[in-house]
Amino acid sequence: GGSVQAGGSLRLSCAASGRAFNNYGMGWFRQAPGEERVFVA
């Protein structure tokens, strides 16, 4: 994460530790200030 101007790009990573990572579906959610956490991908 970080700060970027409109029209720019970022690449987020999520590193997992523990067992059986490949047995899980993975999702991205986001939460804006004053808002609930919502589905992204």
PDB file of all heavy atoms in Angstrom:
ATOM      1  N   GLY A   1       0.815  -1.197   0.000  1.00  0.00           N
ATOM      2  CA  GLY A   1       0.000   0.000   0.000  1.00  0.00           C
ATOM      3  C   GLY A   1       0.854   1.255   0.000  1.00  0.00           C
ATOM      4  O   GLY A   1       2.071   1.211   0.167  1.00  0.00           O
ATOM      5  N   GLY A   2       0.193   2.383  -0.199  1.00  0.00           N
ATOM      6  CA  GLY A   2       0.886   3.656  -0.226  1.00  0.00           C
ATOM      7  C   GLY A   2       0.000   4.735  -0.782  1.00  0.00           C
ATOM      8  O   GLY A   2      -1.213   4.565  -0.893  1.00  0.00           O
ATOM      9  N   SER A   3       0.613   5.847  -1.137  1.00  0.00           N
ATOM     10  CA  SER A   3      -0.097   7.000  -1.695  1.00  0.00           C
ATOM     11  C   SER A   3       0.223   7.142  -3.174  1.00  0.00           C
ATOM     12  O   SER A   3       1.385   7.022  -3.583  1.00  0.00           O
ATOM     13  CB  SER A   3       0.295   8.280  -0.954  1.00  0.00           C
ATOM     14  OG  SER A   3      -0.076   8.216   0.411  1.00  0.00           O
ATOM     15  N   VAL A   4      -0.809   7.400  -3.961  1.00  0.00           N
ATOM     16  CA  VAL A   4      -0.652   7.520  -5.405  1.00  0.00           C
ATOM     17  C   VAL A   4      -1.659   8.528  -5.930  1.00  0.00           C
ATOM     18  O   VAL A   4      -2.719   8.723  -5.341  1.00  0.00           O
ATOM     19  CB  VAL A   4      -0.834   6.145  -6.082  1.00  0.00           C
ATOM     20  CG1 VAL A   4      -2.261   5.639  -5.902  1.00  0.00           C
ATOM     21  CG2 VAL A   4      -0.457   6.193  -7.551  1.00  0.00           C
ATOM     22  N   GLN A   5      -1.334   9.174  -7.031  1.00  0.00           N
ATOM     23  CA  GLN A   5      -2.259  10.094  -7.673  1.00  0.00           C
ATOM     24  C   GLN A   5      -3.304   9.338  -8.479  1.00  0.00           C
ATOM     25  O   GLN A   5      -3.075   8.199  -8.905  1.00  0.00           O
ATOM     26  CB  GLN A   5      -1.514  11.063  -8.586  1.00  0.00           C
ATOM     27  CG  GLN A   5      -0.595  12.019  -7.858  1.00  0.00           C
ATOM     28  CD  GLN A   5       0.072  13.003  -8.791  1.00  0.00           C
ATOM     29  OE1 GLN A   5      -0.081  12.936 -10.010  1.00  0.00           O
ATOM     30  NE2 GLN A   5       0.821  13.926  -8.223  1.00  0.00           N
ATOM     31  N   ALA A   6      -4.448   9.957  -8.671  1.00  0.00           N
ATOM     32  CA  ALA A   6      -5.499   9.355  -9.480  1.00  0.00           C
ATOM     33  C   ALA A   6      -4.957   8.956 -10.844  1.00  0.00           C
ATOM     34  O   ALA A   6      -4.210   9.710 -11.474  1.00  0.00           O
ATOM     35  CB  ALA A   6      -6.667  10.315  -9.627  1.00  0.00           C
ATOM     36  N   GLY A   7      -5.344   7.772 -11.290  1.00  0.00           N
ATOM     37  CA  GLY A   7      -4.854   7.234 -12.544  1.00  0.00           C
ATOM     38  C   GLY A   7      -3.629   6.354 -12.403  1.00  0.00           C
ATOM     39  O   GLY A   7      -3.256   5.666 -13.365  1.00  0.00           O
ATOM     40  N   GLY A   8      -3.026   6.350 -11.241  1.00  0.00           N
ATOM     41  CA  GLY A   8      -1.838   5.556 -11.006  1.00  0.00           C
ATOM     42  C   GLY A   8      -2.153   4.117 -10.652  1.00  0.00           C
ATOM     43  O   GLY A   8      -3.308   3.689 -10.652  1.00  0.00           O
ATOM     44  N   SER A   9      -1.097   3.372 -10.316  1.00  0.00           N
ATOM     45  CA  SER A   9      -1.221   1.946 -10.046  1.00  0.00           C
ATOM     46  C   SER A   9      -0.485   1.560  -8.772  1.00  0.00           C
ATOM     47  O   SER A   9       0.503   2.198  -8.385  1.00  0.00           O
ATOM     48  CB  SER A   9      -0.650   1.119 -11.200  1.00  0.00           C
ATOM     49  OG  SER A   9      -1.355   1.352 -12.409  1.00  0.00           O
ATOM     50  N   LEU A  10      -0.975   0.516  -8.137  1.00  0.00           N
ATOM     51  CA  LEU A  10      -0.318  -0.114  -7.004  1.00  0.00           C
ATOM     52  C   LEU A  10      -0.517  -1.611  -7.102  1.00  0.00           C
ATOM     53  O   LEU A  10      -1.512  -2.074  -7.667  1.00  0.00           O
ATOM     54  CB  LEU A  10      -0.877   0.379  -5.669  1.00  0.00           C
ATOM     55  CG  LEU A  10      -0.509   1.782  -5.199  1.00  0.00           C
ATOM     56  CD1 LEU A  10      -1.328   2.133  -3.958  1.00  0.00           C
ATOM     57  CD2 LEU A  10       0.978   1.877  -4.899  1.00  0.00           C
ATOM     58  N   ARG A  11       0.409  -2.359  -6.534  1.00  0.00           N
ATOM     59  CA  ARG A  11       0.306  -3.811  -6.472  1.00  0.00           C
ATOM     60  C   ARG A  11       0.401  -4.241  -5.016  1.00  0.00           C
ATOM     61  O   ARG A  11       1.444  -4.081  -4.381  1.00  0.00           O
ATOM     62  CB  ARG A  11       1.400  -4.478  -7.293  1.00  0.00           C
ATOM     63  CG  ARG A  11       1.289  -6.003  -7.361  1.00  0.00           C
ATOM     64  CD  ARG A  11       2.391  -6.583  -8.229  1.00  0.00           C
ATOM     65  NE  ARG A  11       2.344  -8.029  -8.350  1.00  0.00           N
ATOM     66  CZ  ARG A  11       1.639  -8.684  -9.260  1.00  0.00           C
ATOM     67  NH1 ARG A  11       0.904  -8.020 -10.138  1.00  0.00           N
ATOM     68  NH2 ARG A  11       1.666 -10.011  -9.308  1.00  0.00           N
ATOM     69  N   LEU A  12      -0.679  -4.783  -4.494  1.00  0.00           N
ATOM     70  CA  LEU A  12      -0.717  -5.268  -3.126  1.00  0.00           C
ATOM     71  C   LEU A  12      -0.340  -6.744  -3.082  1.00  0.00           C
ATOM     72  O   LEU A  12      -0.665  -7.505  -4.002  1.00  0.00           O
ATOM     73  CB  LEU A  12      -2.102  -5.087  -2.515  1.00  0.00           C
ATOM     74  CG  LEU A  12      -2.698  -3.683  -2.551  1.00  0.00           C
ATOM     75  CD1 LEU A  12      -4.041  -3.678  -1.828  1.00  0.00           C
ATOM     76  CD2 LEU A  12      -1.746  -2.669  -1.951  1.00  0.00           C
ATOM     77  N   SER A  13       0.314  -7.141  -2.016  1.00  0.00           N
ATOM     78  CA  SER A  13       0.675  -8.532  -1.797  1.00  0.00           C
ATOM     79  C   SER A  13       0.129  -8.994  -0.456  1.00  0.00           C
ATOM     80  O   SER A  13       0.025  -8.208   0.486  1.00  0.00           O
ATOM     81  CB  SER A  13       2.197  -8.721  -1.815  1.00  0.00           C
ATOM     82  OG  SER A  13       2.748  -8.365  -3.062  1.00  0.00           O
ATOM     83  N   CYS A  14      -0.215 -10.255  -0.385  1.00  0.00           N
ATOM     84  CA  CYS A  14      -0.657 -10.874   0.856  1.00  0.00           C
ATOM     85  C   CYS A  14       0.113 -12.175   1.017  1.00  0.00           C
ATOM     86  O   CYS A  14      -0.138 -13.139   0.282  1.00  0.00           O
ATOM     87  CB  CYS A  14      -2.161 -11.127   0.838  1.00  0.00           C
ATOM     88  SG  CYS A  14      -2.788 -12.014   2.276  1.00  0.00           S
ATOM     89  N   ALA A  15       1.034 -12.193   1.950  1.00  0.00           N
ATOM     90  CA  ALA A  15       1.861 -13.364   2.200  1.00  0.00           C
ATOM     91  C   ALA A  15       1.251 -14.197   3.314  1.00  0.00           C
ATOM     92  O   ALA A  15       0.867 -13.665   4.357  1.00  0.00           O
ATOM     93  CB  ALA A  15       3.280 -12.940   2.569  1.00  0.00           C
ATOM     94  N   ALA A  16       1.169 -15.498   3.089  1.00  0.00           N
ATOM     95  CA  ALA A  16       0.557 -16.410   4.040  1.00  0.00           C
ATOM     96  C   ALA A  16       1.602 -17.302   4.684  1.00  0.00           C
ATOM     97  O   ALA A  16       2.541 -17.751   4.027  1.00  0.00           O
ATOM     98  CB  ALA A  16      -0.501 -17.270   3.357  1.00  0.00           C
ATOM     99  N   SER A  17       1.423 -17.544   5.953  1.00  0.00           N
ATOM    100  CA  SER A  17       2.217 -18.525   6.673  1.00  0.00           C
ATOM    101  C   SER A  17       1.275 -19.507   7.348  1.00  0.00           C
ATOM    102  O   SER A  17       0.095 -19.214   7.555  1.00  0.00           O
ATOM    103  CB  SER A  17       3.138 -17.866   7.693  1.00  0.00           C
ATOM    104  OG  SER A  17       2.381 -17.165   8.674  1.00  0.00           O
ATOM    105  N   GLY A  18       1.791 -20.657   7.691  1.00  0.00           N
ATOM    106  CA  GLY A  18       0.958 -21.703   8.240  1.00  0.00           C
ATOM    107  C   GLY A  18       0.829 -22.852   7.258  1.00  0.00           C
ATOM    108  O   GLY A  18       1.576 -22.939   6.283  1.00  0.00           O
ATOM    109  N   ARG A  19      -0.126 -23.705   7.503  1.00  0.00           N
ATOM    110  CA  ARG A  19      -0.285 -24.897   6.694  1.00  0.00           C
ATOM    111  C   ARG A  19      -1.440 -24.786   5.725  1.00  0.00           C
ATOM    112  O   ARG A  19      -2.406 -24.064   5.953  1.00  0.00           O
ATOM    113  CB  ARG A  19      -0.503 -26.113   7.613  1.00  0.00           C
ATOM    114  CG  ARG A  19       0.672 -26.416   8.518  1.00  0.00           C
ATOM    115  CD  ARG A  19       0.482 -27.733   9.219  1.00  0.00           C
ATOM    116  NE  ARG A  19      -0.652 -27.710  10.134  1.00  0.00           N
ATOM    117  CZ  ARG A  19      -1.110 -28.768  10.793  1.00  0.00           C
ATOM    118  NH1 ARG A  19      -0.509 -29.949  10.634  1.00  0.00           N
ATOM    119  NH2 ARG A  19      -2.145 -28.649  11.603  1.00  0.00           N
ATOM    120  N   ALA A  20      -1.328 -25.506   4.641  1.00  0.00           N
ATOM    121  CA  ALA A  20      -2.416 -25.734   3.685  1.00  0.00           C
ATOM    122  C   ALA A  20      -2.932 -24.445   3.037  1.00  0.00           C
ATOM    123  O   ALA A  20      -4.143 -24.269   2.866  1.00  0.00           O
ATOM    124  CB  ALA A  20      -3.566 -26.477   4.359  1.00  0.00           C
ATOM    125  N   PHE A  21      -2.022 -23.556   2.664  1.00  0.00           N
ATOM    126  CA  PHE A  21      -2.416 -22.325   2.002  1.00  0.00           C
ATOM    127  C   PHE A  21      -3.212 -22.599   0.732  1.00  0.00           C
ATOM    128  O   PHE A  21      -4.189 -21.909   0.438  1.00  0.00           O
ATOM    129  CB  PHE A  21      -1.176 -21.491   1.673  1.00  0.00           C
ATOM    130  CG  PHE A  21      -1.453 -20.307   0.793  1.00  0.00           C
ATOM    131  CD1 PHE A  21      -2.055 -19.181   1.293  1.00  0.00           C
ATOM    132  CD2 PHE A  21      -1.085 -20.330  -0.547  1.00  0.00           C
ATOM    133  CE1 PHE A  21      -2.306 -18.076   0.483  1.00  0.00           C
ATOM    134  CE2 PHE A  21      -1.326 -19.239  -1.366  1.00  0.00           C
ATOM    135  CZ  PHE A  21      -1.935 -18.119  -0.848  1.00  0.00           C
ATOM    136  N   ASN A  22      -2.821 -23.608  -0.026  1.00  0.00           N
ATOM    137  CA  ASN A  22      -3.476 -23.878  -1.304  1.00  0.00           C
ATOM    138  C   ASN A  22      -4.837 -24.541  -1.153  1.00  0.00           C
ATOM    139  O   ASN A  22      -5.474 -24.861  -2.158  1.00  0.00           O
ATOM    140  CB  ASN A  22      -2.572 -24.709  -2.216  1.00  0.00           C
ATOM    141  CG  ASN A  22      -2.204 -26.056  -1.628  1.00  0.00           C
ATOM    142  OD1 ASN A  22      -2.514 -26.355  -0.480  1.00  0.00           O
ATOM    143  ND2 ASN A  22      -1.531 -26.875  -2.427  1.00  0.00           N
ATOM    144  N   ASN A  23      -5.311 -24.738   0.058  1.00  0.00           N
ATOM    145  CA  ASN A  23      -6.656 -25.249   0.295  1.00  0.00           C
ATOM    146  C   ASN A  23      -7.676 -24.137   0.502  1.00  0.00           C
ATOM    147  O   ASN A  23      -8.860 -24.420   0.699  1.00  0.00           O
ATOM    148  CB  ASN A  23      -6.679 -26.174   1.509  1.00  0.00           C
ATOM    149  CG  ASN A  23      -5.956 -27.478   1.252  1.00  0.00           C
ATOM    150  OD1 ASN A  23      -5.790 -27.899   0.110  1.00  0.00           O
ATOM    151  ND2 ASN A  23      -5.515 -28.127   2.321  1.00  0.00           N
ATOM    152  N   TYR A  24      -7.246 -22.886   0.461  1.00  0.00           N
ATOM    153  CA  TYR A  24      -8.104 -21.752   0.768  1.00  0.00           C
ATOM    154  C   TYR A  24      -8.348 -20.883  -0.448  1.00  0.00           C
ATOM    155  O   TYR A  24      -7.446 -20.637  -1.247  1.00  0.00           O
ATOM    156  CB  TYR A  24      -7.483 -20.886   1.864  1.00  0.00           C
ATOM    157  CG  TYR A  24      -7.423 -21.546   3.215  1.00  0.00           C
ATOM    158  CD1 TYR A  24      -6.376 -22.387   3.548  1.00  0.00           C
ATOM    159  CD2 TYR A  24      -8.420 -21.316   4.153  1.00  0.00           C
ATOM    160  CE1 TYR A  24      -6.321 -22.998   4.785  1.00  0.00           C
ATOM    161  CE2 TYR A  24      -8.374 -21.915   5.396  1.00  0.00           C
ATOM    162  CZ  TYR A  24      -7.325 -22.754   5.711  1.00  0.00           C
ATOM    163  OH  TYR A  24      -7.272 -23.348   6.945  1.00  0.00           O
ATOM    164  N   GLY A  25      -9.578 -20.414  -0.561  1.00  0.00           N
ATOM    165  CA  GLY A  25      -9.842 -19.307  -1.451  1.00  0.00           C
ATOM    166  C   GLY A  25      -9.401 -18.016  -0.779  1.00  0.00           C
ATOM    167  O   GLY A  25      -9.460 -17.897   0.448  1.00  0.00           O
ATOM    168  N   MET A  26      -8.966 -17.063  -1.572  1.00  0.00           N
ATOM    169  CA  MET A  26      -8.418 -15.826  -1.033  1.00  0.00           C
ATOM    170  C   MET A  26      -9.195 -14.631  -1.562  1.00  0.00           C
ATOM    171  O   MET A  26      -9.529 -14.570  -2.749  1.00  0.00           O
ATOM    172  CB  MET A  26      -6.945 -15.678  -1.400  1.00  0.00           C
ATOM    173  CG  MET A  26      -6.069 -16.840  -0.951  1.00  0.00           C
ATOM    174  SD  MET A  26      -5.951 -16.966   0.852  1.00  0.00           S
ATOM    175  CE  MET A  26      -5.118 -15.427   1.239  1.00  0.00           C
ATOM    176  N   GLY A  27      -9.458 -13.684  -0.685  1.00  0.00           N
ATOM    177  CA  GLY A  27     -10.192 -12.495  -1.070  1.00  0.00           C
ATOM    178  C   GLY A  27      -9.525 -11.224  -0.614  1.00  0.00           C
ATOM    179  O   GLY A  27      -8.731 -11.220   0.333  1.00  0.00           O
ATOM    180  N   TRP A  28      -9.838 -10.154  -1.318  1.00  0.00           N
ATOM    181  CA  TRP A  28      -9.460  -8.807  -0.912  1.00  0.00           C
ATOM    182  C   TRP A  28     -10.721  -8.012  -0.580  1.00  0.00           C
ATOM    183  O   TRP A  28     -11.688  -8.026  -1.352  1.00  0.00           O
ATOM    184  CB  TRP A  28      -8.686  -8.077  -2.012  1.00  0.00           C
ATOM    185  CG  TRP A  28      -7.279  -8.546  -2.198  1.00  0.00           C
ATOM    186  CD1 TRP A  28      -6.815  -9.423  -3.118  1.00  0.00           C
ATOM    187  CD2 TRP A  28      -6.139  -8.125  -1.435  1.00  0.00           C
ATOM    188  NE1 TRP A  28      -5.463  -9.587  -2.989  1.00  0.00           N
ATOM    189  CE2 TRP A  28      -5.020  -8.805  -1.962  1.00  0.00           C
ATOM    190  CE3 TRP A  28      -5.957  -7.245  -0.366  1.00  0.00           C
ATOM    191  CZ2 TRP A  28      -3.737  -8.634  -1.452  1.00  0.00           C
ATOM    192  CZ3 TRP A  28      -4.684  -7.076   0.145  1.00  0.00           C
ATOM    193  CH2 TRP A  28      -3.594  -7.758  -0.393  1.00  0.00           C
ATOM    194  N   PHE A  29     -10.689  -7.350   0.550  1.00  0.00           N
ATOM    195  CA  PHE A  29     -11.747  -6.447   0.980  1.00  0.00           C
ATOM    196  C   PHE A  29     -11.133  -5.093   1.286  1.00  0.00           C
ATOM    197  O   PHE A  29      -9.917  -4.979   1.466  1.00  0.00           O
ATOM    198  CB  PHE A  29     -12.457  -6.991   2.224  1.00  0.00           C
ATOM    199  CG  PHE A  29     -13.332  -8.183   1.968  1.00  0.00           C
ATOM    200  CD1 PHE A  29     -12.792  -9.412   1.629  1.00  0.00           C
ATOM    201  CD2 PHE A  29     -14.716  -8.084   2.079  1.00  0.00           C
ATOM    202  CE1 PHE A  29     -13.590 -10.511   1.395  1.00  0.00           C
ATOM    203  CE2 PHE A  29     -15.533  -9.182   1.859  1.00  0.00           C
ATOM    204  CZ  PHE A  29     -14.976 -10.392   1.514  1.00  0.00           C
ATOM    205  N   ARG A  30     -11.977  -4.076   1.373  1.00  0.00           N
ATOM    206  CA  ARG A  30     -11.464  -2.761   1.740  1.00  0.00           C
ATOM    207  C   ARG A  30     -12.464  -2.043   2.628  1.00  0.00           C
ATOM    208  O   ARG A  30     -13.661  -2.300   2.585  1.00  0.00           O
ATOM    209  CB  ARG A  30     -11.144  -1.918   0.505  1.00  0.00           C
ATOM    210  CG  ARG A  30     -12.348  -1.512  -0.325  1.00  0.00           C
ATOM    211  CD  ARG A  30     -11.887  -0.870  -1.626  1.00  0.00           C
ATOM    212  NE  ARG A  30     -12.997  -0.374  -2.425  1.00  0.00           N
ATOM    213  CZ  ARG A  30     -12.884   0.089  -3.662  1.00  0.00           C
ATOM    214  NH1 ARG A  30     -11.681   0.119  -4.249  1.00  0.00           N
ATOM    215  NH2 ARG A  30     -13.945   0.528  -4.314  1.00  0.00           N
ATOM    216  N   GLN A  31     -11.940  -1.131   3.420  1.00  0.00           N
ATOM    217  CA  GLN A  31     -12.764  -0.364   4.340  1.00  0.00           C
ATOM    218  C   GLN A  31     -12.316   1.089   4.307  1.00  0.00           C
ATOM    219  O   GLN A  31     -11.200   1.411   4.709  1.00  0.00           O
ATOM    220  CB  GLN A  31     -12.665  -0.926   5.754  1.00  0.00           C
ATOM    221  CG  GLN A  31     -13.613  -0.275   6.740  1.00  0.00           C
ATOM    222  CD  GLN A  31     -13.684  -1.041   8.044  1.00  0.00           C
ATOM    223  OE1 GLN A  31     -12.850  -1.895   8.326  1.00  0.00           O
ATOM    224  NE2 GLN A  31     -14.691  -0.750   8.851  1.00  0.00           N
ATOM    225  N   ALA A  32     -13.191   1.945   3.816  1.00  0.00           N
ATOM    226  CA  ALA A  32     -12.931   3.376   3.773  1.00  0.00           C
ATOM    227  C   ALA A  32     -13.315   4.003   5.099  1.00  0.00           C
ATOM    228  O   ALA A  32     -14.100   3.432   5.871  1.00  0.00           O
ATOM    229  CB  ALA A  32     -13.712   4.015   2.631  1.00  0.00           C
ATOM    230  N   PRO A  33     -12.790   5.188   5.402  1.00  0.00           N
ATOM    231  CA  PRO A  33     -13.129   5.843   6.662  1.00  0.00           C
ATOM    232  C   PRO A  33     -14.631   6.018   6.829  1.00  0.00           C
ATOM    233  O   PRO A  33     -15.314   6.500   5.932  1.00  0.00           O
ATOM    234  CB  PRO A  33     -12.433   7.205   6.547  1.00  0.00           C
ATOM    235  CG  PRO A  33     -11.290   6.958   5.620  1.00  0.00           C
ATOM    236  CD  PRO A  33     -11.808   5.956   4.626  1.00  0.00           C
ATOM    237  N   GLY A  34     -15.144   5.592   7.965  1.00  0.00           N
ATOM    238  CA  GLY A  34     -16.555   5.711   8.255  1.00  0.00           C
ATOM    239  C   GLY A  34     -17.449   4.734   7.530  1.00  0.00           C
ATOM    240  O   GLY A  34     -18.680   4.848   7.626  1.00  0.00           O
ATOM    241  N   GLU A  35     -16.872   3.764   6.805  1.00  0.00           N
ATOM    242  CA  GLU A  35     -17.652   2.807   6.043  1.00  0.00           C
ATOM    243  C   GLU A  35     -17.397   1.388   6.541  1.00  0.00           C
ATOM    244  O   GLU A  35     -16.431   1.121   7.258  1.00  0.00           O
ATOM    245  CB  GLU A  35     -17.309   2.892   4.555  1.00  0.00           C
ATOM    246  CG  GLU A  35     -17.480   4.269   3.948  1.00  0.00           C
ATOM    247  CD  GLU A  35     -18.922   4.690   3.851  1.00  0.00           C
ATOM    248  OE1 GLU A  35     -19.805   3.812   3.834  1.00  0.00           O
ATOM    249  OE2 GLU A  35     -19.182   5.907   3.790  1.00  0.00           O
ATOM    250  N   GLU A  36     -18.264   0.469   6.139  1.00  0.00           N
ATOM    251  CA  GLU A  36     -18.081  -0.929   6.486  1.00  0.00           C
ATOM    252  C   GLU A  36     -17.101  -1.587   5.519  1.00  0.00           C
ATOM    253  O   GLU A  36     -16.848  -1.086   4.422  1.00  0.00           O
ATOM    254  CB  GLU A  36     -19.425  -1.662   6.468  1.00  0.00           C
ATOM    255  CG  GLU A  36     -20.069  -1.725   5.093  1.00  0.00           C
ATOM    256  CD  GLU A  36     -21.428  -2.408   5.125  1.00  0.00           C
ATOM    257  OE1 GLU A  36     -21.890  -2.769   6.212  1.00  0.00           O
ATOM    258  OE2 GLU A  36     -22.024  -2.581   4.039  1.00  0.00           O
ATOM    259  N   ARG A  37     -16.560  -2.727   5.938  1.00  0.00           N
ATOM    260  CA  ARG A  37     -15.660  -3.473   5.083  1.00  0.00           C
ATOM    261  C   ARG A  37     -16.447  -4.137   3.960  1.00  0.00           C
ATOM    262  O   ARG A  37     -17.436  -4.824   4.202  1.00  0.00           O
ATOM    263  CB  ARG A  37     -14.911  -4.524   5.901  1.00  0.00           C
ATOM    264  CG  ARG A  37     -13.774  -5.190   5.148  1.00  0.00           C
ATOM    265  CD  ARG A  37     -12.991  -6.135   6.055  1.00  0.00           C
ATOM    266  NE  ARG A  37     -12.438  -5.440   7.199  1.00  0.00           N
ATOM    267  CZ  ARG A  37     -11.638  -6.005   8.108  1.00  0.00           C
ATOM    268  NH1 ARG A  37     -11.295  -7.275   7.976  1.00  0.00           N
ATOM    269  NH2 ARG A  37     -11.196  -5.295   9.128  1.00  0.00           N
ATOM    270  N   VAL A  38     -16.010  -3.945   2.707  1.00  0.00           N
ATOM    271  CA  VAL A  38     -16.742  -4.438   1.551  1.00  0.00           C
ATOM    272  C   VAL A  38     -15.843  -5.274   0.651  1.00  0.00           C
ATOM    273  O   VAL A  38     -14.626  -5.114   0.616  1.00  0.00           O
ATOM    274  CB  VAL A  38     -17.362  -3.292   0.729  1.00  0.00           C
ATOM    275  CG1 VAL A  38     -18.387  -2.533   1.561  1.00  0.00           C
ATOM    276  CG2 VAL A  38     -16.291  -2.346   0.219  1.00  0.00           C
ATOM    277  N   PHE A  39     -16.474  -6.143  -0.104  1.00  0.00           N
ATOM    278  CA  PHE A  39     -15.797  -7.052  -1.006  1.00  0.00           C
ATOM    279  C   PHE A  39     -15.163  -6.323  -2.177  1.00  0.00           C
ATOM    280  O   PHE A  39     -15.759  -5.409  -2.746  1.00  0.00           O
ATOM    281  CB  PHE A  39     -16.796  -8.088  -1.523  1.00  0.00           C
ATOM    282  CG  PHE A  39     -16.278  -8.943  -2.639  1.00  0.00           C
ATOM    283  CD1 PHE A  39     -15.374  -9.957  -2.390  1.00  0.00           C
ATOM    284  CD2 PHE A  39     -16.704  -8.742  -3.936  1.00  0.00           C
ATOM    285  CE1 PHE A  39     -14.892 -10.750  -3.409  1.00  0.00           C
ATOM    286  CE2 PHE A  39     -16.243  -9.529  -4.971  1.00  0.00           C
ATOM    287  CZ  PHE A  39     -15.326 -10.541  -4.701  1.00  0.00           C
ATOM    288  N   VAL A  40     -13.964  -6.754  -2.554  1.00  0.00           N
ATOM    289  CA  VAL A  40     -13.268  -6.216  -3.714  1.00  0.00           C
ATOM    290  C   VAL A  40     -13.026  -7.294  -4.767  1.00  0.00           C
ATOM    291  O   VAL A  40     -13.407  -7.141  -5.932  1.00  0.00           O
ATOM    292  CB  VAL A  40     -11.929  -5.570  -3.317  1.00  0.00           C
ATOM    293  CG1 VAL A  40     -11.146  -5.149  -4.553  1.00  0.00           C
ATOM    294  CG2 VAL A  40     -12.171  -4.375  -2.400  1.00  0.00           C
ATOM    295  N   ALA A  41     -12.385  -8.390  -4.377  1.00  0.00           N
ATOM    296  CA  ALA A  41     -12.029  -9.439  -5.332  1.00  0.00           C
ATOM    297  C   ALA A  41     -11.793 -10.749  -4.606  1.00  0.00           C
ATOM    298  O   ALA A  41     -11.470 -10.767  -3.409  1.00  0.00           O
ATOM    299  CB  ALA A  41     -10.781  -9.051  -6.127  1.00  0.00           C
TER     300      ALA A  41
END
